[in-house]
Protein backbone atom coordinates (compact mmCIF):
# COMPACT_ATOMS: atom_id res chain seq x y z
CA MET A 1 -140.74 -166.51 -66.62
CA LYS A 2 -142.61 -166.59 -63.32
CA PRO A 3 -145.98 -164.78 -63.28
CA TRP A 4 -144.87 -162.00 -60.90
CA MET A 5 -141.89 -161.19 -63.11
CA LYS A 6 -144.24 -160.21 -65.95
CA GLN A 7 -145.50 -157.34 -63.77
CA THR A 8 -142.03 -155.79 -63.55
CA PRO A 9 -140.52 -153.29 -66.03
CA ALA A 10 -138.69 -154.60 -69.10
CA ALA A 11 -135.28 -153.60 -67.70
CA ALA A 12 -135.89 -155.66 -64.55
CA GLN A 13 -136.99 -158.63 -66.63
CA SER A 14 -133.86 -158.41 -68.76
CA TYR A 15 -131.71 -158.24 -65.64
CA MET A 16 -133.39 -161.32 -64.13
CA GLU A 17 -132.98 -163.24 -67.39
CA ALA A 18 -129.24 -162.50 -67.36
CA ASN A 19 -128.65 -162.97 -63.62
CA ARG A 20 -129.70 -165.55 -61.07
CA LEU A 21 -131.87 -163.65 -58.60
CA ASP A 22 -130.51 -164.15 -55.09
CA GLU A 23 -131.97 -161.30 -53.09
CA VAL A 24 -134.79 -158.75 -53.10
CA GLU A 25 -134.41 -155.46 -51.26
CA CYS A 26 -137.84 -154.42 -49.96
CA MET A 27 -137.66 -150.68 -49.33
CA ILE A 28 -139.59 -147.55 -48.52
CA ALA A 29 -138.49 -143.91 -48.20
CA ASP A 30 -138.62 -142.35 -44.73
CA LEU A 31 -139.06 -138.59 -44.10
CA PRO A 32 -135.47 -137.67 -45.08
CA GLY A 33 -135.72 -139.97 -48.12
CA ILE A 34 -133.45 -142.68 -46.72
CA ALA A 35 -134.22 -146.19 -47.98
CA ARG A 36 -135.54 -148.29 -45.07
CA GLY A 37 -136.58 -151.91 -45.32
CA LYS A 38 -135.37 -155.50 -45.44
CA ALA A 39 -133.17 -157.61 -47.67
CA VAL A 40 -134.92 -160.94 -48.27
CA PRO A 41 -133.69 -164.09 -50.05
CA ALA A 42 -135.41 -164.27 -53.42
CA THR A 43 -136.94 -167.68 -52.76
CA LYS A 44 -138.55 -166.38 -49.56
CA TRP A 45 -139.68 -163.11 -51.18
CA GLU A 46 -141.54 -165.02 -53.91
CA ARG A 47 -143.70 -166.57 -51.18
CA MET A 48 -144.33 -163.21 -49.50
CA GLN A 49 -147.22 -160.92 -50.37
CA LYS A 50 -146.27 -158.27 -47.81
CA PHE A 51 -143.88 -157.50 -45.01
CA HIS A 52 -143.91 -155.36 -41.87
CA LEU A 53 -141.96 -152.43 -40.43
CA PRO A 54 -142.73 -150.32 -37.34
CA ASN A 55 -144.34 -146.97 -38.03
CA SER A 56 -141.62 -145.35 -35.91
CA ILE A 57 -139.32 -145.17 -38.95
CA PHE A 58 -141.25 -142.01 -39.85
CA PHE A 59 -140.60 -140.43 -36.43
CA GLN A 60 -136.81 -140.69 -36.77
CA THR A 61 -134.56 -137.68 -37.29
CA ILE A 62 -131.61 -137.64 -39.70
CA THR A 63 -129.28 -138.29 -36.74
CA GLY A 64 -131.21 -141.34 -35.53
CA GLY A 65 -133.03 -139.48 -32.74
CA TRP A 66 -136.79 -139.48 -32.34
CA GLY A 67 -139.57 -136.95 -32.56
CA GLU A 68 -142.46 -137.38 -30.12
CA ALA A 69 -144.91 -137.79 -32.99
CA ALA A 70 -146.63 -141.08 -32.15
CA GLY A 71 -149.90 -139.38 -31.13
CA ASP A 72 -152.44 -140.27 -28.49
CA GLU A 73 -151.72 -144.01 -28.66
CA GLY A 74 -148.19 -143.45 -27.40
CA PHE A 75 -144.86 -144.69 -28.71
CA THR A 76 -145.82 -148.36 -29.09
CA GLU A 77 -144.26 -148.81 -32.57
CA PRO A 78 -147.11 -150.77 -34.20
CA ASP A 79 -146.32 -152.56 -37.43
CA MET A 80 -147.25 -151.14 -40.79
CA VAL A 81 -148.12 -153.48 -43.65
CA LEU A 82 -145.97 -152.92 -46.74
CA TYR A 83 -147.03 -154.14 -50.17
CA PRO A 84 -144.68 -154.24 -53.17
CA ASP A 85 -145.24 -152.03 -56.20
CA LEU A 86 -143.79 -154.32 -58.86
CA SER A 87 -143.79 -151.49 -61.40
CA THR A 88 -140.85 -150.05 -59.42
CA ALA A 89 -138.72 -153.20 -59.54
CA THR A 90 -135.19 -152.43 -60.67
CA ALA A 91 -131.76 -154.01 -60.51
CA ALA A 92 -129.02 -153.22 -58.01
CA PRO A 93 -126.22 -153.58 -60.61
CA TRP A 94 -123.43 -152.82 -58.12
CA ALA A 95 -124.29 -155.91 -56.04
CA ASP A 96 -122.09 -158.99 -56.35
CA ASP A 97 -125.11 -161.28 -56.60
CA GLY A 98 -128.35 -160.86 -58.54
CA THR A 99 -130.32 -158.29 -56.54
CA LEU A 100 -133.63 -156.57 -57.20
CA GLN A 101 -134.87 -153.40 -55.49
CA VAL A 102 -138.63 -152.96 -55.01
CA ILE A 103 -140.37 -149.93 -53.53
CA HIS A 104 -143.28 -150.73 -51.22
CA ASP A 105 -146.34 -148.76 -50.16
CA ALA A 106 -147.27 -148.48 -46.50
CA PHE A 107 -150.69 -149.19 -45.00
CA ASP A 108 -151.97 -149.57 -41.46
CA GLN A 109 -153.39 -152.87 -40.27
CA LYS A 110 -156.89 -151.82 -41.37
CA GLY A 111 -155.72 -151.26 -44.94
CA LYS A 112 -155.60 -147.45 -44.89
CA PRO A 113 -152.56 -145.68 -46.41
CA ILE A 114 -150.10 -144.41 -43.80
CA PRO A 115 -150.63 -140.63 -44.12
CA TYR A 116 -147.05 -139.64 -43.28
CA ALA A 117 -145.35 -142.06 -45.69
CA PRO A 118 -143.79 -139.68 -48.28
CA ARG A 119 -144.86 -141.69 -51.33
CA ASN A 120 -148.43 -141.69 -50.01
CA VAL A 121 -148.28 -137.90 -49.53
CA LEU A 122 -147.34 -137.44 -53.21
CA LYS A 123 -150.04 -139.88 -54.31
CA ARG A 124 -152.59 -137.90 -52.29
CA VAL A 125 -151.70 -134.69 -54.16
CA VAL A 126 -151.72 -136.41 -57.57
CA GLU A 127 -155.18 -137.81 -56.79
CA LEU A 128 -156.46 -134.28 -56.09
CA TYR A 129 -155.37 -133.33 -59.61
CA ALA A 130 -157.03 -136.45 -61.02
CA LYS A 131 -160.35 -135.49 -59.43
CA GLU A 132 -160.23 -132.28 -61.49
CA GLY A 133 -159.45 -134.19 -64.69
CA TRP A 134 -155.84 -132.99 -64.64
CA THR A 135 -152.61 -134.97 -65.05
CA PRO A 136 -149.51 -133.29 -63.61
CA VAL A 137 -146.21 -133.84 -65.42
CA VAL A 138 -142.82 -133.12 -63.84
CA ALA A 139 -139.16 -133.24 -64.82
CA PRO A 140 -136.55 -133.09 -62.03
CA GLU A 141 -132.99 -131.85 -62.44
CA MET A 142 -130.51 -133.31 -59.95
CA GLU A 143 -127.35 -131.44 -58.94
CA PHE A 144 -124.71 -133.11 -56.78
CA PHE A 145 -121.01 -133.03 -55.96
CA LEU A 146 -118.38 -135.71 -56.41
CA VAL A 147 -116.03 -135.15 -53.48
CA ALA A 148 -112.96 -136.74 -51.94
CA ARG A 149 -113.62 -139.35 -49.28
CA ASN A 150 -114.30 -137.62 -45.98
CA VAL A 151 -114.26 -139.74 -42.83
CA ASP A 152 -113.62 -136.91 -40.36
CA PRO A 153 -116.64 -134.61 -39.81
CA ALA A 154 -114.30 -131.90 -38.49
CA LYS A 155 -112.47 -131.74 -41.82
CA PRO A 156 -113.88 -129.54 -44.62
CA ILE A 157 -115.24 -131.34 -47.67
CA GLU A 158 -112.92 -131.19 -50.68
CA PRO A 159 -113.48 -131.84 -54.40
CA MET A 160 -112.55 -135.28 -55.72
CA MET A 161 -109.26 -135.84 -57.52
CA GLY A 162 -109.74 -135.98 -61.28
CA ARG A 163 -107.93 -138.25 -63.72
CA SER A 164 -105.55 -135.34 -64.40
CA GLY A 165 -104.24 -135.72 -60.86
CA ARG A 166 -105.65 -132.34 -59.88
CA PRO A 167 -108.79 -131.63 -57.81
CA ALA A 168 -111.95 -131.17 -59.85
CA ALA A 169 -112.09 -127.63 -61.21
CA ALA A 170 -114.56 -124.98 -60.08
CA ARG A 171 -116.16 -122.21 -62.14
CA GLN A 172 -116.19 -124.45 -65.22
CA ALA A 173 -119.93 -124.72 -65.91
CA TYR A 174 -120.76 -126.76 -69.04
CA SER A 175 -117.09 -127.64 -69.59
CA MET A 176 -116.72 -130.93 -71.46
CA SER A 177 -113.11 -131.38 -70.33
CA ALA A 178 -114.21 -130.97 -66.72
CA VAL A 179 -116.77 -133.76 -67.24
CA ASP A 180 -114.06 -135.90 -68.84
CA ASP A 181 -111.90 -135.45 -65.74
CA TYR A 182 -114.17 -137.83 -63.84
CA GLY A 183 -115.28 -139.82 -66.85
CA PRO A 184 -114.91 -143.26 -65.21
CA VAL A 185 -117.52 -142.33 -62.58
CA ILE A 186 -119.87 -141.02 -65.28
CA ASP A 187 -119.37 -144.17 -67.35
CA ASP A 188 -120.62 -146.24 -64.41
CA ILE A 189 -123.51 -143.85 -63.82
CA TYR A 190 -124.64 -144.39 -67.41
CA GLU A 191 -124.12 -148.15 -67.18
CA PHE A 192 -126.01 -148.51 -63.90
CA ALA A 193 -128.83 -146.30 -65.21
CA GLU A 194 -129.16 -148.35 -68.40
CA ILE A 195 -129.31 -151.62 -66.45
CA GLN A 196 -131.93 -150.13 -64.13
CA GLY A 197 -134.00 -148.83 -67.03
CA PHE A 198 -133.62 -145.12 -66.27
CA GLU A 199 -133.39 -142.65 -69.11
CA ILE A 200 -130.95 -139.81 -68.54
CA ASP A 201 -131.73 -136.71 -70.56
CA GLY A 202 -128.21 -135.32 -70.12
CA ILE A 203 -125.23 -134.82 -67.77
CA THR A 204 -123.49 -131.46 -67.49
CA GLN A 205 -120.76 -129.86 -65.41
CA GLU A 206 -122.18 -127.25 -63.04
CA GLY A 207 -120.43 -124.26 -61.49
CA GLY A 208 -119.04 -125.95 -58.38
CA ALA A 209 -115.85 -127.97 -58.06
CA GLY A 210 -116.84 -131.53 -58.96
CA GLN A 211 -120.50 -130.52 -59.30
CA LEU A 212 -122.66 -132.28 -61.91
CA GLU A 213 -126.27 -132.07 -63.02
CA ILE A 214 -128.39 -134.93 -64.34
CA ASN A 215 -131.67 -134.21 -66.10
CA LEU A 216 -134.44 -136.82 -66.23
CA ARG A 217 -137.13 -137.15 -68.88
CA HIS A 218 -140.49 -135.65 -67.92
CA GLY A 219 -143.30 -137.90 -66.76
CA ASP A 220 -145.58 -139.03 -63.95
CA PRO A 221 -144.71 -137.37 -60.59
CA VAL A 222 -144.67 -140.60 -58.56
CA LYS A 223 -142.56 -142.43 -61.14
CA LEU A 224 -140.08 -139.54 -61.34
CA ALA A 225 -139.84 -139.29 -57.54
CA ASP A 226 -139.13 -143.03 -57.47
CA GLU A 227 -136.34 -142.49 -60.00
CA VAL A 228 -134.73 -139.69 -57.97
CA PHE A 229 -134.96 -141.91 -54.88
CA PHE A 230 -133.23 -144.73 -56.76
CA PHE A 231 -130.75 -142.37 -58.45
CA LYS A 232 -129.35 -141.11 -55.17
CA ARG A 233 -128.32 -144.65 -54.32
CA LEU A 234 -127.05 -145.31 -57.84
CA LEU A 235 -124.85 -142.20 -57.75
CA ARG A 236 -123.43 -143.03 -54.33
CA GLU A 237 -122.55 -146.54 -55.46
CA ALA A 238 -120.92 -145.35 -58.70
CA ALA A 239 -118.83 -142.84 -56.75
CA LEU A 240 -117.73 -145.37 -54.11
CA LYS A 241 -116.53 -147.66 -56.88
CA HIS A 242 -114.02 -144.93 -57.77
CA ASP A 243 -112.94 -143.99 -54.24
CA CYS A 244 -115.00 -140.81 -53.91
CA PHE A 245 -118.32 -139.74 -52.45
CA ALA A 246 -121.44 -138.44 -54.17
CA THR A 247 -123.08 -135.92 -51.84
CA PHE A 248 -126.50 -134.30 -52.07
CA MET A 249 -125.95 -131.75 -49.31
CA ALA A 250 -127.43 -128.44 -50.34
CA LYS A 251 -124.16 -126.63 -49.57
CA PRO A 252 -121.27 -129.05 -49.02
CA ILE A 253 -118.29 -126.79 -49.82
CA GLU A 254 -117.79 -123.30 -48.46
CA GLY A 255 -117.54 -120.70 -51.22
CA GLU A 256 -119.00 -122.99 -53.89
CA PRO A 257 -122.55 -122.96 -55.28
CA GLY A 258 -125.14 -125.22 -53.68
CA SER A 259 -126.92 -128.19 -55.23
CA ALA A 260 -130.55 -127.83 -56.30
CA MET A 261 -133.30 -130.13 -57.44
CA HIS A 262 -135.12 -127.92 -59.93
CA VAL A 263 -138.58 -129.23 -60.81
CA HIS A 264 -140.34 -128.44 -64.10
CA HIS A 265 -144.15 -128.62 -64.07
CA SER A 266 -146.87 -128.81 -66.64
CA ILE A 267 -150.45 -130.10 -66.49
CA LEU A 268 -152.44 -132.02 -69.07
CA ASP A 269 -156.20 -131.66 -69.29
CA SER A 270 -158.61 -134.55 -69.89
CA GLU A 271 -157.87 -134.39 -73.63
CA GLY A 272 -154.12 -134.61 -73.08
CA ASP A 273 -153.50 -130.95 -73.96
CA ASN A 274 -151.25 -128.62 -71.97
CA LEU A 275 -153.42 -126.68 -69.52
CA PHE A 276 -150.96 -123.77 -69.64
CA THR A 277 -151.47 -123.23 -73.39
CA GLY A 278 -154.61 -121.89 -75.10
CA PRO A 279 -156.04 -122.84 -78.51
CA ASN A 280 -153.96 -120.19 -80.26
CA GLY A 281 -150.76 -121.01 -78.37
CA GLY A 282 -151.03 -118.26 -75.76
CA GLU A 283 -150.65 -118.48 -71.97
CA THR A 284 -153.86 -119.36 -70.16
CA ASP A 285 -155.40 -118.26 -66.87
CA ALA A 286 -154.30 -121.62 -65.46
CA PHE A 287 -150.69 -120.75 -66.30
CA PHE A 288 -150.81 -117.51 -64.30
CA GLN A 289 -152.84 -119.09 -61.48
CA PHE A 290 -150.34 -121.94 -61.09
CA ILE A 291 -147.54 -119.38 -60.76
CA GLY A 292 -149.70 -117.40 -58.35
CA GLY A 293 -150.13 -120.50 -56.21
CA LEU A 294 -146.39 -121.08 -56.16
CA GLN A 295 -145.70 -117.49 -55.17
CA THR A 296 -148.36 -117.55 -52.44
CA HIS A 297 -147.85 -120.97 -50.93
CA LEU A 298 -144.23 -122.03 -51.53
CA PRO A 299 -142.89 -120.04 -48.55
CA SER A 300 -144.94 -122.28 -46.26
CA VAL A 301 -143.36 -125.45 -47.70
CA VAL A 302 -139.76 -124.28 -47.82
CA ALA A 303 -139.33 -126.57 -44.81
CA LEU A 304 -139.94 -129.51 -47.20
CA MET A 305 -137.70 -128.17 -49.98
CA ALA A 306 -134.93 -127.01 -47.64
CA PRO A 307 -135.24 -129.55 -44.82
CA TYR A 308 -131.95 -129.06 -42.92
CA VAL A 309 -130.01 -126.23 -41.33
CA ASN A 310 -127.41 -126.57 -44.09
CA SER A 311 -130.11 -126.05 -46.73
CA TYR A 312 -130.40 -122.33 -45.98
CA ARG A 313 -126.71 -121.72 -46.74
CA ARG A 314 -127.66 -122.22 -50.39
CA TYR A 315 -129.96 -119.19 -50.61
CA VAL A 316 -127.18 -116.66 -51.16
CA ARG A 317 -127.48 -113.63 -53.41
CA ASP A 318 -125.62 -113.99 -56.75
CA HIS A 319 -124.71 -117.62 -56.00
CA ALA A 320 -126.89 -119.61 -58.44
CA ALA A 321 -129.82 -120.07 -56.04
CA PRO A 322 -132.98 -117.94 -55.68
CA ILE A 323 -133.50 -115.50 -52.84
CA ASN A 324 -137.14 -114.73 -53.68
CA LEU A 325 -140.15 -116.01 -55.62
CA GLU A 326 -140.18 -113.60 -58.52
CA TRP A 327 -140.98 -115.25 -61.84
CA GLY A 328 -139.56 -114.54 -65.25
CA ARG A 329 -139.25 -115.88 -68.76
CA ASP A 330 -135.88 -117.52 -69.44
CA ASN A 331 -134.45 -115.87 -66.31
CA ARG A 332 -132.28 -118.03 -64.05
CA THR A 333 -132.06 -115.40 -61.30
CA THR A 334 -135.75 -115.82 -60.42
CA GLY A 335 -137.12 -118.46 -58.09
CA LEU A 336 -139.71 -119.40 -60.73
CA ARG A 337 -138.58 -119.62 -64.35
CA VAL A 338 -140.52 -120.16 -67.56
CA PRO A 339 -138.06 -121.86 -69.95
CA ILE A 340 -138.02 -121.30 -73.69
CA SER A 341 -140.33 -123.87 -75.31
CA ASP A 342 -142.93 -124.40 -77.96
CA PRO A 343 -146.53 -123.84 -76.77
CA ALA A 344 -147.28 -127.55 -76.34
CA SER A 345 -144.28 -127.92 -74.00
CA ARG A 346 -144.93 -124.78 -71.92
CA ARG A 347 -143.87 -125.42 -68.34
CA ILE A 348 -142.91 -123.69 -65.10
CA GLU A 349 -139.64 -124.41 -63.31
CA ASN A 350 -139.44 -124.25 -59.51
CA ARG A 351 -135.79 -123.46 -58.67
CA LEU A 352 -136.29 -123.36 -54.92
CA ALA A 353 -135.62 -126.92 -53.72
CA GLY A 354 -132.23 -128.22 -52.67
CA MET A 355 -130.98 -131.66 -53.68
CA ASP A 356 -131.07 -132.64 -50.00
CA CYS A 357 -134.88 -132.77 -50.13
CA ASN A 358 -136.99 -135.90 -50.10
CA PRO A 359 -138.11 -136.06 -53.78
CA TYR A 360 -141.61 -137.29 -52.92
CA LEU A 361 -142.22 -134.47 -50.47
CA CYS A 362 -140.61 -131.79 -52.63
CA ILE A 363 -142.68 -132.65 -55.70
CA ALA A 364 -145.82 -133.05 -53.57
CA ALA A 365 -145.32 -129.62 -52.00
CA SER A 366 -144.64 -127.90 -55.32
CA LEU A 367 -147.67 -129.48 -56.98
CA ALA A 368 -149.79 -128.67 -53.91
CA ALA A 369 -148.88 -124.98 -54.14
CA GLY A 370 -149.79 -124.90 -57.84
CA TYR A 371 -153.02 -126.81 -57.16
CA LEU A 372 -154.06 -124.25 -54.55
CA GLY A 373 -153.30 -121.51 -57.04
CA LEU A 374 -155.69 -123.08 -59.54
CA LYS A 375 -158.43 -123.81 -57.01
CA GLN A 376 -158.17 -120.42 -55.28
CA GLU A 377 -157.72 -118.58 -58.60
CA LEU A 378 -154.62 -116.80 -57.36
CA TRP A 379 -152.82 -114.62 -59.88
CA ALA A 380 -149.14 -114.25 -60.57
CA ASP A 381 -147.30 -111.01 -59.93
CA LYS A 382 -145.96 -109.16 -62.94
CA SER A 383 -143.07 -111.06 -64.52
CA TYR A 384 -139.66 -109.88 -63.38
CA ARG A 385 -137.26 -108.37 -65.86
CA GLY A 386 -133.58 -108.09 -65.10
CA ASP A 387 -131.56 -109.50 -62.21
CA ALA A 388 -133.87 -110.79 -59.49
CA TYR A 389 -130.97 -110.68 -57.02
CA ASP A 390 -131.54 -106.93 -57.00
CA GLY A 391 -134.95 -107.63 -55.46
CA GLU A 392 -135.72 -108.19 -51.80
CA PRO A 393 -135.37 -111.66 -50.24
CA ASP A 394 -138.71 -113.20 -49.28
CA LEU A 395 -137.75 -116.73 -48.24
CA PRO A 396 -137.44 -117.83 -44.61
CA GLN A 397 -133.85 -117.47 -43.44
CA GLY A 398 -133.62 -120.65 -41.40
CA LEU A 399 -135.31 -123.93 -40.57
CA GLY A 400 -137.08 -122.59 -37.48
CA ALA A 401 -138.71 -119.75 -39.43
CA ALA A 402 -139.63 -122.13 -42.25
CA LEU A 403 -141.34 -124.51 -39.83
CA ASP A 404 -143.35 -121.62 -38.34
CA LEU A 405 -144.68 -120.82 -41.84
CA PHE A 406 -145.32 -124.53 -42.44
CA ASP A 407 -147.38 -124.81 -39.25
CA GLY A 408 -149.40 -121.70 -40.11
CA ASN A 409 -150.75 -122.63 -43.56
CA THR A 410 -153.96 -124.59 -42.94
CA ASP A 411 -154.82 -124.72 -46.65
CA MET A 412 -151.56 -126.50 -47.37
CA GLN A 413 -152.09 -128.84 -44.43
CA GLU A 414 -155.41 -129.98 -45.91
CA VAL A 415 -153.81 -130.72 -49.27
CA LEU A 416 -150.74 -132.56 -47.96
CA GLY A 417 -152.68 -134.18 -45.09
CA PRO A 418 -153.05 -132.91 -41.50
CA GLU A 419 -151.50 -136.03 -39.99
CA PHE A 420 -148.45 -135.80 -42.25
CA THR A 421 -147.89 -132.12 -41.51
CA ARG A 422 -148.25 -132.76 -37.76
CA VAL A 423 -145.65 -135.54 -37.79
CA TYR A 424 -143.25 -133.72 -40.10
CA SER A 425 -143.23 -130.57 -37.97
CA ILE A 426 -142.59 -132.50 -34.76
CA VAL A 427 -139.74 -134.53 -36.26
CA LYS A 428 -138.06 -131.54 -37.91
CA ARG A 429 -138.29 -129.45 -34.73
CA ALA A 430 -136.70 -132.30 -32.78
CA GLU A 431 -133.93 -132.39 -35.38
CA TYR A 432 -133.44 -128.63 -35.16
CA GLU A 433 -133.13 -128.85 -31.38
CA GLU A 434 -130.47 -131.54 -31.82
CA PHE A 435 -128.51 -129.17 -34.07
CA LEU A 436 -128.71 -126.32 -31.55
CA GLN A 437 -126.86 -128.49 -29.03
CA VAL A 438 -123.79 -128.68 -31.31
CA ILE A 439 -121.01 -126.08 -30.89
CA SER A 440 -119.56 -125.14 -34.29
CA PRO A 441 -115.91 -124.37 -35.21
CA TRP A 442 -116.97 -120.76 -35.94
CA GLU A 443 -118.19 -120.36 -32.37
CA ARG A 444 -114.99 -121.81 -30.93
CA GLU A 445 -112.82 -119.63 -33.17
CA HIS A 446 -114.52 -116.30 -32.65
CA LEU A 447 -116.24 -116.55 -29.28
CA LEU A 448 -113.91 -118.61 -27.10
CA LEU A 449 -111.55 -115.75 -26.20
CA ASN A 450 -113.26 -112.68 -27.64
CA VAL A 451 -116.55 -112.36 -25.79
């Protein structure tokens, strides 16, 4: 085994032992979370210590447009230097030839981390915890839809056809027979995940037609964000193999629930004990302050957790998504939920984010809000009892309003990084302006002849 291979995870080593390595995909997540990079022949990659991409990939909107975010130096597209993190190496098991995927970290030409690279933003927040002697632990839950192929944007998205010959059923949460209906796709999801070394904690049918949820084992925030980043590609490839699409739109089908990326949080102290649990098993000040930070600061980072105009269609009363930031114990109507657990596993679930988020930025924002709660000694409101949908909405109702809150929170900007928040706001506002130039079917139907 070559020396560099010994630095890769065991699953990657096993894959390379069983397959002749032909290609290495050198990748990095941009602001939307799309994999950008280069595919390099393996023999060439082994001689490389780094590669280059222009920093403009972080100024690009989801449509391929550009935000004027280059700064005082102008839009000159200087190269970034990207170094591989071999601990992320994983197979691309759907490829015909032996292919390895490797996430890279971005630096400028002076060796400083690129501040608006999403993985660097998350690392920045995790380092703030480390300076306090804290280790954050997260566990993401990924919801997504398996839908019929859709090649016409004017056509509504429809559920995939199940093995029964009927479209995937809706309103069948936790149904085993519903999961069986698209069993071949799930079989490939499990197979790809095993080859890539990812541990799935469970797959369940959710409430939407063809909607599934995958839970990942808890762990290091950067590692888990890497896994979500990889999983989105894995799920798309498994679906394509069976003539359907996997979509992570927050609200792909009218009248159906949206797809969330719930994030569970806990924090370990320097002794490895849960910071949210006291010596006698009770809830600590840190527990209530973390919730207080989420309640205070999450509204200003909704723009990271709900990054598109479609994202806000998910926040609908009585439709399996929060409308406010109440918190409650074992209460799925609240935006913040404390699940049933033993004291050592006490954790706080943020139910706000949509699955369309960039996992690095979502987890960074959620941890940043909790961090500010701890540092500013904010205190949680009284826990909510009953149906939180009876309460008043307190989330921004659209991307424009969310970006205004994002721009106004200077405390959050310092935690996430002023240069990142500057670039993100510019790019997302450019994207929003692109959307406003599109005339929707609703407008043509109801305004064309009636106004």
